Amino acid sequence: MKRLLKYHLNDLVTGRFVSRVVIVASCALGCFSCDSDKKDTEGVAIEEVEVSWDWAKYDRLNELSLQTLPVDIKPRQSLAIKSEAAGILTLELEGDVHEVRKGMRFARMDVDTLAEQGERLAILEEKRLLEDMRAEKLDLPEKKRLAKEELQEARRKVRLMEMIMDNPAMEEMSAELFGGDIASVTDTSFQEAKDALSLAEQKMAWADEYDEKLRKGQIRIQEMDFAKNERNYEQAKERSVYEAPFLGELRIELDYVEGQQEYTVGARETIATLNDYSEIHGHLRVKNASWINLSPQRLYIQLQDRDRTMMPFQDDRIILDKRTRKEERYYVFAVPLSQSESLKRLTGTQMRGDLVYKLPEVCYIVPKYDLSLYALGKSDSVDWAEMVGELWPGAKVIAEGLGDVAISYQF
């Protein structure tokens, strides 16, 4: 009996056995307590009872219930549609609930600045075209003309000074023809004339090449600015029209008044909710569950609703928790609405569901309590797979549930 108690207490600490084992241990402890007053005067004879095993009394099934867990019931898709700006919203459908198709328009927003944005855009485009025309037809030709004249004058002056320096007799003639100080050529004045010629040549080269590049660059910048303004305008126009992004049930979230079409709304206010009820999904948070090692394609949820709805595994997702702002891993189970229409009214709620594993083969479903009793004196292992292997060589634990284990055994 001491051995029995030790085995049960050890396993109770590890959390391996169900609560029924506590009863066995408590009863045994009670026996020891009752006899404690007599242990000094007389011995207690305790006989260990051998537990027999009969495989025939256990069901052979192809599935095992793992655990009962909370499941979030959701539609296939759900979207809260918000207003893009403050203004007057005009509904284009009558009633507050509608079945809509993808792309169907249900409202429009009369944005106050939309007409002004369009007018401003037209003015900017006209201004851009006129400035480009003026630069091409007037400014650049005028700059080139002035640069050319300045270059010609600088060349003429340098050439004349060179002639005077080569022939001093021309100095008097130059003074009579041109006047000023051009006739009195010195090394300094000649160098200044050559510097002026070099500058004029640079201006001419700039006018021929770089001014054109600058003009094209400025045009490109204006085009990009205009394209950005145009995109903003088109996006504002698109946002002023509200269309259903997918097929589903549209519910108006405004304070709807029958017959009223226009409503004043604020920026980012929820104006409608669109739900796709073609499938009903059950979201099960995984966390650090032991069954994460099992093949998810073999899992399904049996809801504890009126119809005991079966939902097979569909997807494995990482979902951002809106409250904690942390990413959580979920298994998503799904069933067509046509198979369980009563689930539609349960969307948005949380209910209990049994997580069931479809075994790869037919197995004996054995309660852990029975297995623990039979293992007393035969195995010291607290691991179910090791214990079964020691008790029945060739037997194998396929899966472990909360209160049962699935054992594959051919004898």
Protein backbone atom coordinates (compact mmCIF):
# COMPACT_ATOMS: atom_id res chain seq x y z
CA MET A 1 0.00 0.00 0.00
CA LYS A 2 2.90 2.35 0.71
CA ARG A 3 4.12 1.68 -2.79
CA LEU A 4 0.64 2.42 -4.12
CA LEU A 5 0.50 5.72 -2.24
CA LYS A 6 3.95 6.77 -3.33
CA TYR A 7 3.10 6.13 -6.96
CA HIS A 8 -0.16 8.07 -6.84
CA LEU A 9 1.24 11.01 -4.89
CA ASN A 10 4.19 11.39 -7.24
CA ASP A 11 1.90 11.43 -10.23
CA LEU A 12 -0.51 13.83 -8.59
CA VAL A 13 2.36 16.30 -8.17
CA THR A 14 3.24 15.99 -11.85
CA GLY A 15 -0.39 16.51 -12.85
CA ARG A 16 -0.45 13.31 -14.91
CA PHE A 17 -3.55 11.70 -13.44
CA VAL A 18 -7.19 12.68 -13.17
CA SER A 19 -8.90 13.68 -9.94
CA ARG A 20 -10.27 10.17 -9.27
CA VAL A 21 -6.79 9.13 -8.13
CA VAL A 22 -7.13 11.61 -5.26
CA ILE A 23 -10.00 9.51 -3.92
CA VAL A 24 -7.83 6.39 -3.85
CA ALA A 25 -4.99 8.23 -2.11
CA SER A 26 -7.36 9.90 0.38
CA CYS A 27 -8.98 6.62 1.32
CA ALA A 28 -5.59 5.04 1.85
CA LEU A 29 -4.46 7.95 3.99
CA GLY A 30 -7.64 7.65 6.00
CA CYS A 31 -6.89 4.03 6.73
CA PHE A 32 -3.44 4.88 7.99
CA SER A 33 -4.86 7.69 10.14
CA CYS A 34 -7.47 5.43 11.74
CA ASP A 35 -4.90 2.78 12.61
CA SER A 36 -2.22 5.20 13.82
CA ASP A 37 -3.29 4.88 17.46
CA LYS A 38 -2.92 1.10 17.36
CA LYS A 39 0.36 0.82 15.48
CA ASP A 40 2.36 0.62 18.69
CA THR A 41 0.31 -2.27 20.09
CA GLU A 42 -0.59 -4.34 17.07
CA GLY A 43 0.52 -4.75 13.42
CA VAL A 44 -1.65 -3.97 10.42
CA ALA A 45 -1.85 -6.53 7.67
CA ILE A 46 -2.33 -4.90 4.28
CA GLU A 47 -2.85 -7.03 1.23
CA GLU A 48 -2.10 -5.68 -2.24
CA VAL A 49 -4.78 -6.53 -4.77
CA GLU A 50 -3.63 -7.45 -8.25
CA VAL A 51 -5.52 -5.44 -10.93
CA SER A 52 -6.50 -7.53 -13.92
CA TRP A 53 -6.52 -6.19 -17.47
CA ASP A 54 -8.97 -6.97 -20.24
CA TRP A 55 -8.47 -5.25 -23.60
CA ALA A 56 -11.98 -6.26 -24.65
CA LYS A 57 -13.64 -3.77 -22.29
CA TYR A 58 -12.07 -0.76 -24.03
CA ASP A 59 -13.49 0.82 -27.16
CA ARG A 60 -11.50 0.73 -30.35
CA LEU A 61 -11.99 4.08 -32.13
CA ASN A 62 -10.35 6.21 -34.82
CA GLU A 63 -10.56 9.48 -32.88
CA LEU A 64 -9.59 10.87 -29.48
CA SER A 65 -10.97 13.84 -27.58
CA LEU A 66 -7.99 15.94 -26.53
CA GLN A 67 -9.41 18.84 -24.57
CA THR A 68 -12.40 21.16 -24.10
CA LEU A 69 -11.46 24.73 -24.99
CA PRO A 70 -13.03 28.16 -25.65
CA VAL A 71 -13.58 28.91 -29.35
CA ASP A 72 -14.22 32.35 -30.91
CA ILE A 73 -17.05 32.15 -33.46
CA LYS A 74 -16.50 34.50 -36.41
CA PRO A 75 -17.72 35.02 -39.99
CA ARG A 76 -15.42 34.13 -42.89
CA GLN A 77 -14.55 37.81 -43.39
CA SER A 78 -15.50 40.91 -41.46
CA LEU A 79 -14.72 44.56 -42.22
CA ALA A 80 -15.60 47.78 -40.42
CA ILE A 81 -15.98 50.49 -43.10
CA LYS A 82 -15.00 53.97 -41.87
CA SER A 83 -15.53 57.43 -43.33
CA GLU A 84 -12.41 58.92 -44.92
CA ALA A 85 -13.30 62.50 -44.00
CA ALA A 86 -15.89 64.56 -42.18
CA GLY A 87 -18.87 65.61 -44.25
CA ILE A 88 -22.32 64.63 -45.45
CA LEU A 89 -22.74 60.93 -46.20
CA THR A 90 -25.51 59.98 -48.61
CA LEU A 91 -26.79 56.40 -48.52
CA GLU A 92 -27.75 54.92 -51.87
CA LEU A 93 -29.56 51.87 -50.43
CA GLU A 94 -32.80 51.79 -48.49
CA GLY A 95 -32.80 49.97 -45.19
CA ASP A 96 -30.05 49.20 -42.67
CA VAL A 97 -29.21 45.60 -43.69
CA HIS A 98 -28.44 44.49 -47.26
CA GLU A 99 -27.00 41.57 -49.17
CA VAL A 100 -24.39 43.20 -51.42
CA ARG A 101 -22.10 41.93 -54.15
CA LYS A 102 -18.45 42.87 -54.60
CA GLY A 103 -18.05 46.38 -56.06
CA MET A 104 -21.62 47.41 -55.31
CA ARG A 105 -21.85 51.11 -54.34
CA PHE A 106 -23.83 51.82 -51.20
CA ALA A 107 -22.90 55.40 -50.20
CA ARG A 108 -21.06 58.54 -51.26
CA MET A 109 -19.39 61.33 -49.33
CA ASP A 110 -19.86 64.99 -50.26
CA VAL A 111 -16.35 66.19 -49.34
CA ASP A 112 -16.38 69.99 -49.16
CA THR A 113 -12.92 70.52 -50.64
CA LEU A 114 -13.24 68.04 -53.51
CA ALA A 115 -14.45 70.64 -56.08
CA GLU A 116 -11.77 73.08 -54.94
CA GLN A 117 -9.09 70.41 -55.35
CA GLY A 118 -10.25 69.73 -58.90
CA GLU A 119 -10.21 73.43 -59.81
CA ARG A 120 -6.80 73.94 -58.23
CA LEU A 121 -5.43 70.97 -60.14
CA ALA A 122 -6.66 72.39 -63.45
CA ILE A 123 -5.07 75.78 -62.71
CA LEU A 124 -1.73 74.19 -61.78
CA GLU A 125 -1.67 72.20 -65.01
CA GLU A 126 -2.41 75.28 -67.11
CA LYS A 127 0.28 77.24 -65.25
CA ARG A 128 2.81 74.47 -65.82
CA LEU A 129 2.13 74.40 -69.56
CA LEU A 130 2.37 78.19 -69.90
CA GLU A 131 5.65 78.39 -67.99
CA ASP A 132 7.12 75.65 -70.14
CA MET A 133 6.00 77.46 -73.27
CA ARG A 134 7.46 80.78 -72.10
CA ALA A 135 10.80 79.16 -71.24
CA GLU A 136 10.95 77.40 -74.60
CA LYS A 137 9.75 80.28 -76.79
CA LEU A 138 10.99 83.39 -74.98
CA ASP A 139 13.42 82.99 -72.08
CA LEU A 140 15.91 80.53 -73.55
CA PRO A 141 16.14 82.16 -77.03
CA GLU A 142 16.67 85.57 -75.38
CA LYS A 143 19.43 84.21 -73.13
CA LYS A 144 21.15 82.60 -76.09
CA ARG A 145 20.91 85.83 -78.13
CA LEU A 146 22.44 87.94 -75.36
CA ALA A 147 25.18 85.38 -74.73
CA LYS A 148 25.98 85.25 -78.43
CA GLU A 149 26.18 89.05 -78.72
CA GLU A 150 28.39 89.25 -75.64
CA LEU A 151 30.69 86.59 -77.06
CA GLN A 152 30.97 88.37 -80.42
CA GLU A 153 31.80 91.67 -78.73
CA ALA A 154 34.47 90.06 -76.53
CA ARG A 155 36.05 88.33 -79.53
CA ARG A 156 36.05 91.58 -81.53
CA LYS A 157 37.72 93.48 -78.70
CA VAL A 158 40.46 90.88 -78.18
CA ARG A 159 41.10 90.68 -81.92
CA LEU A 160 41.40 94.45 -82.19
CA MET A 161 43.83 94.64 -79.29
CA GLU A 162 45.96 91.94 -80.87
CA MET A 163 46.06 93.93 -84.12
CA ILE A 164 47.11 97.10 -82.27
CA MET A 165 49.82 95.24 -80.41
CA ASP A 166 51.12 93.83 -83.69
CA ASN A 167 50.92 97.18 -85.53
CA PRO A 168 51.35 100.30 -83.32
CA ALA A 169 50.26 102.49 -86.29
CA MET A 170 46.71 101.28 -85.78
CA GLU A 171 46.54 102.78 -82.32
CA GLU A 172 45.73 106.27 -83.63
CA MET A 173 43.20 104.91 -86.13
CA SER A 174 41.50 102.86 -83.43
CA ALA A 175 41.22 105.84 -81.16
CA GLU A 176 39.49 107.82 -83.95
CA LEU A 177 37.16 104.90 -84.91
CA PHE A 178 36.20 103.46 -81.51
CA GLY A 179 37.21 106.07 -78.97
CA GLY A 180 37.64 105.25 -75.32
CA ASP A 181 40.60 103.40 -74.00
CA ILE A 182 40.62 100.55 -76.49
CA ALA A 183 43.46 102.10 -78.42
CA SER A 184 45.75 102.24 -75.38
CA VAL A 185 46.58 98.59 -75.02
CA THR A 186 48.54 97.44 -71.99
CA ASP A 187 49.29 94.01 -70.66
CA THR A 188 46.63 94.46 -67.99
CA SER A 189 43.88 95.65 -70.35
CA PHE A 190 44.70 92.86 -72.80
CA GLN A 191 44.46 90.23 -70.05
CA GLU A 192 41.12 91.69 -68.91
CA ALA A 193 39.82 91.46 -72.47
CA LYS A 194 40.92 87.81 -72.74
CA ASP A 195 39.24 87.05 -69.38
CA ALA A 196 36.06 88.68 -70.62
CA LEU A 197 36.22 86.56 -73.77
CA SER A 198 36.65 83.35 -71.75
CA LEU A 199 33.65 84.28 -69.58
CA ALA A 200 31.55 85.02 -72.66
CA GLU A 201 32.45 81.62 -74.14
CA GLN A 202 31.38 79.93 -70.90
CA LYS A 203 28.08 81.81 -70.88
CA MET A 204 27.44 80.75 -74.46
CA ALA A 205 28.21 77.11 -73.67
CA TRP A 206 25.92 77.32 -70.62
CA ALA A 207 23.13 78.81 -72.71
CA ASP A 208 23.51 76.07 -75.34
CA GLU A 209 23.63 73.12 -72.92
CA TYR A 210 22.95 73.71 -69.25
CA ASP A 211 19.98 76.06 -69.47
CA GLU A 212 18.20 73.41 -71.54
CA LYS A 213 19.04 70.78 -68.94
CA LEU A 214 17.77 73.02 -66.18
CA ARG A 215 14.56 73.64 -68.08
CA LYS A 216 13.98 69.92 -68.61
CA GLY A 217 14.74 69.20 -64.96
CA GLN A 218 12.31 71.87 -63.84
CA ILE A 219 9.68 70.47 -66.16
CA ARG A 220 10.21 66.99 -64.68
CA ILE A 221 9.85 68.29 -61.13
CA GLN A 222 6.64 70.09 -62.07
CA GLU A 223 5.33 66.94 -63.73
CA MET A 224 6.02 64.86 -60.60
CA ASP A 225 4.38 67.46 -58.35
CA PHE A 226 1.37 67.57 -60.63
CA ALA A 227 1.15 63.75 -60.76
CA LYS A 228 1.21 63.64 -56.96
CA ASN A 229 -1.55 66.23 -56.69
CA GLU A 230 -3.53 64.35 -59.32
CA ARG A 231 -3.18 61.06 -57.41
CA ASN A 232 -4.33 62.73 -54.20
CA TYR A 233 -7.30 64.15 -56.03
CA GLU A 234 -8.24 60.81 -57.60
CA GLN A 235 -7.86 59.06 -54.25
CA ALA A 236 -10.10 61.66 -52.63
CA LYS A 237 -12.67 61.05 -55.38
CA GLU A 238 -12.43 57.28 -54.86
CA ARG A 239 -12.76 57.66 -51.09
CA SER A 240 -15.86 59.75 -51.56
CA VAL A 241 -17.56 56.70 -53.10
CA TYR A 242 -18.09 53.63 -50.90
CA GLU A 243 -18.25 50.20 -52.53
CA ALA A 244 -18.44 46.72 -51.01
CA PRO A 245 -14.97 45.08 -51.22
CA PHE A 246 -16.46 41.56 -51.11
CA LEU A 247 -19.75 39.69 -51.21
CA GLY A 248 -21.60 39.68 -47.91
CA GLU A 249 -24.15 41.18 -45.57
CA LEU A 250 -23.85 44.96 -45.12
CA ARG A 251 -25.16 46.51 -41.91
CA ILE A 252 -25.39 50.32 -41.61
CA GLU A 253 -23.89 51.38 -38.28
CA LEU A 254 -25.19 54.96 -38.29
CA ASP A 255 -28.18 56.03 -36.24
CA TYR A 256 -30.37 54.93 -39.14
CA VAL A 257 -33.72 56.63 -39.68
CA GLU A 258 -36.09 55.05 -42.19
CA GLY A 259 -36.43 57.21 -45.29
CA GLN A 260 -33.45 59.44 -44.42
CA GLN A 261 -30.56 59.34 -46.87
CA GLU A 262 -28.13 62.05 -45.71
CA TYR A 263 -26.15 61.79 -42.46
CA THR A 264 -23.45 64.00 -40.94
CA VAL A 265 -20.40 61.91 -40.06
CA GLY A 266 -16.99 62.59 -38.57
CA ALA A 267 -13.61 61.52 -39.91
CA ARG A 268 -12.82 57.81 -39.36
CA GLU A 269 -16.31 57.10 -38.03
CA THR A 270 -17.61 53.55 -38.61
CA ILE A 271 -20.45 53.87 -41.08
CA ALA A 272 -21.08 50.19 -41.93
CA THR A 273 -19.97 46.63 -41.18
CA LEU A 274 -19.61 44.02 -43.92
CA ASN A 275 -19.65 40.31 -43.01
CA ASP A 276 -19.15 37.30 -45.24
CA TYR A 277 -21.27 34.51 -43.75
CA SER A 278 -20.63 31.97 -46.49
CA GLU A 279 -18.49 30.13 -43.91
CA ILE A 280 -18.51 30.21 -40.13
CA HIS A 281 -15.05 30.08 -38.56
CA GLY A 282 -13.93 28.96 -35.14
CA HIS A 283 -10.70 30.56 -33.91
CA LEU A 284 -8.76 28.50 -31.35
CA ARG A 285 -5.75 30.09 -29.68
CA VAL A 286 -2.79 27.71 -29.66
CA LYS A 287 -0.44 29.23 -27.05
CA ASN A 288 1.81 26.44 -25.64
CA ALA A 289 -0.63 23.55 -26.04
CA SER A 290 0.77 20.01 -26.09
CA TRP A 291 -1.31 19.12 -29.15
CA ILE A 292 0.66 21.61 -31.28
CA ASN A 293 2.87 18.65 -32.25
CA LEU A 294 -0.06 16.78 -33.81
CA SER A 295 -0.89 17.12 -37.49
CA PRO A 296 -3.43 19.98 -37.64
CA GLN A 297 -5.12 18.44 -40.69
CA ARG A 298 -6.34 15.65 -38.38
CA LEU A 299 -7.92 18.04 -35.88
CA TYR A 300 -11.48 19.26 -35.70
CA ILE A 301 -13.68 21.06 -33.21
CA GLN A 302 -17.02 19.73 -32.03
CA LEU A 303 -18.90 22.73 -30.71
CA GLN A 304 -21.10 22.40 -27.67
CA ASP A 305 -24.02 24.03 -29.45
CA ARG A 306 -27.46 22.57 -29.97
CA ASP A 307 -26.41 20.72 -33.14
CA ARG A 308 -22.96 19.62 -31.85
CA THR A 309 -21.47 21.16 -35.01
CA MET A 310 -18.27 19.60 -36.36
CA MET A 311 -15.72 22.09 -37.71
CA PRO A 312 -12.66 20.65 -39.52
CA PHE A 313 -9.28 22.41 -39.47
CA GLN A 314 -8.79 24.95 -42.25
CA ASP A 315 -5.87 27.28 -41.57
CA ASP A 316 -3.02 28.22 -39.25
CA ARG A 317 -2.79 32.00 -38.73
CA ILE A 318 -0.89 34.66 -36.84
CA ILE A 319 -3.43 37.26 -35.68
CA LEU A 320 -2.75 40.61 -33.98
CA ASP A 321 -4.62 40.91 -30.69
CA LYS A 322 -6.37 44.31 -30.75
CA ARG A 323 -6.30 44.62 -26.98
CA THR A 324 -2.71 43.59 -26.18
CA ARG A 325 -1.25 44.54 -29.59
CA LYS A 326 0.64 41.22 -29.59
CA GLU A 327 0.65 38.58 -32.31
CA GLU A 328 -1.06 35.33 -31.34
CA ARG A 329 -1.14 32.00 -33.14
CA TYR A 330 -4.58 30.57 -33.92
CA TYR A 331 -5.92 27.43 -35.53
CA VAL A 332 -8.92 28.26 -37.71
CA PHE A 333 -11.71 25.70 -38.11
CA ALA A 334 -14.51 26.26 -40.63
CA VAL A 335 -17.91 24.97 -41.70
CA PRO A 336 -20.18 26.21 -44.54
CA LEU A 337 -23.15 28.20 -43.26
CA SER A 338 -25.44 25.89 -45.24
CA GLN A 339 -24.46 23.03 -42.89
CA SER A 340 -25.16 24.96 -39.70
CA GLU A 341 -27.24 28.09 -40.22
CA SER A 342 -27.88 28.43 -36.48
CA LEU A 343 -24.23 29.46 -36.01
CA LYS A 344 -24.81 32.78 -37.78
CA ARG A 345 -26.46 34.30 -34.72
CA LEU A 346 -23.55 33.09 -32.57
CA THR A 347 -20.86 34.99 -34.52
CA GLY A 348 -19.01 37.41 -32.31
CA THR A 349 -19.40 35.15 -29.27
CA GLN A 350 -17.18 32.59 -27.55
CA MET A 351 -18.33 29.06 -26.78
CA ARG A 352 -16.86 25.77 -25.61
CA GLY A 353 -15.74 23.12 -28.05
CA ASP A 354 -14.15 19.67 -27.86
CA LEU A 355 -10.86 19.43 -29.73
CA VAL A 356 -10.84 16.01 -31.41
CA TYR A 357 -7.92 14.24 -33.12
CA LYS A 358 -8.58 11.83 -35.98
CA LEU A 359 -6.20 8.96 -35.30
CA PRO A 360 -4.15 7.54 -38.18
CA GLU A 361 -5.38 4.05 -37.19
CA VAL A 362 -8.00 2.42 -34.99
CA CYS A 363 -6.78 2.42 -31.39
CA TYR A 364 -7.84 1.33 -27.92
CA ILE A 365 -9.09 4.35 -25.96
CA VAL A 366 -7.89 3.73 -22.41
CA PRO A 367 -8.62 5.98 -19.40
CA LYS A 368 -5.44 7.16 -17.70
CA TYR A 369 -6.92 6.18 -14.36
CA ASP A 370 -7.25 2.51 -15.37
CA LEU A 371 -3.77 2.50 -16.85
CA SER A 372 -2.22 4.03 -13.73
CA LEU A 373 -3.82 1.41 -11.46
CA TYR A 374 -2.69 -1.50 -13.62
CA ALA A 375 0.86 -0.07 -13.80
CA LEU A 376 1.31 -0.15 -9.98
CA GLY A 377 4.18 -2.48 -9.21
CA LYS A 378 4.83 -3.12 -12.88
CA SER A 379 6.32 0.21 -14.03
CA ASP A 380 7.89 3.18 -12.31
CA SER A 381 7.59 5.49 -15.34
CA VAL A 382 5.39 8.58 -15.24
CA ASP A 383 5.46 8.97 -19.02
CA TRP A 384 2.48 7.28 -20.66
CA ALA A 385 4.36 6.14 -23.78
CA GLU A 386 7.16 4.58 -21.73
CA MET A 387 4.71 2.99 -19.33
CA VAL A 388 2.69 1.36 -22.12
CA GLY A 389 5.88 0.11 -23.79
CA GLU A 390 7.00 -1.54 -20.55
CA LEU A 391 3.62 -3.13 -19.83
CA TRP A 392 2.97 -4.43 -23.36
CA PRO A 393 6.03 -4.67 -25.62
CA GLY A 394 4.93 -3.72 -29.11
CA ALA A 395 2.14 -1.41 -27.89
CA LYS A 396 2.44 2.28 -28.76
CA VAL A 397 0.70 5.46 -27.56
CA ILE A 398 -0.55 7.27 -30.68
CA ALA A 399 -2.03 10.31 -28.95
CA GLU A 400 -2.71 11.61 -25.45
CA GLY A 401 -5.89 13.35 -24.37
CA LEU A 402 -6.76 15.05 -21.12
CA GLY A 403 -8.21 11.87 -19.53
CA ASP A 404 -7.46 9.10 -22.05
CA VAL A 405 -4.68 7.74 -24.20
CA ALA A 406 -5.00 6.10 -27.63
CA ILE A 407 -3.01 2.86 -27.76
CA SER A 408 -2.13 0.90 -30.88
CA TYR A 409 -1.68 -2.78 -29.98
CA GLN A 410 -1.83 -6.00 -31.95
CA PHE A 411 -1.81 -9.18 -29.87
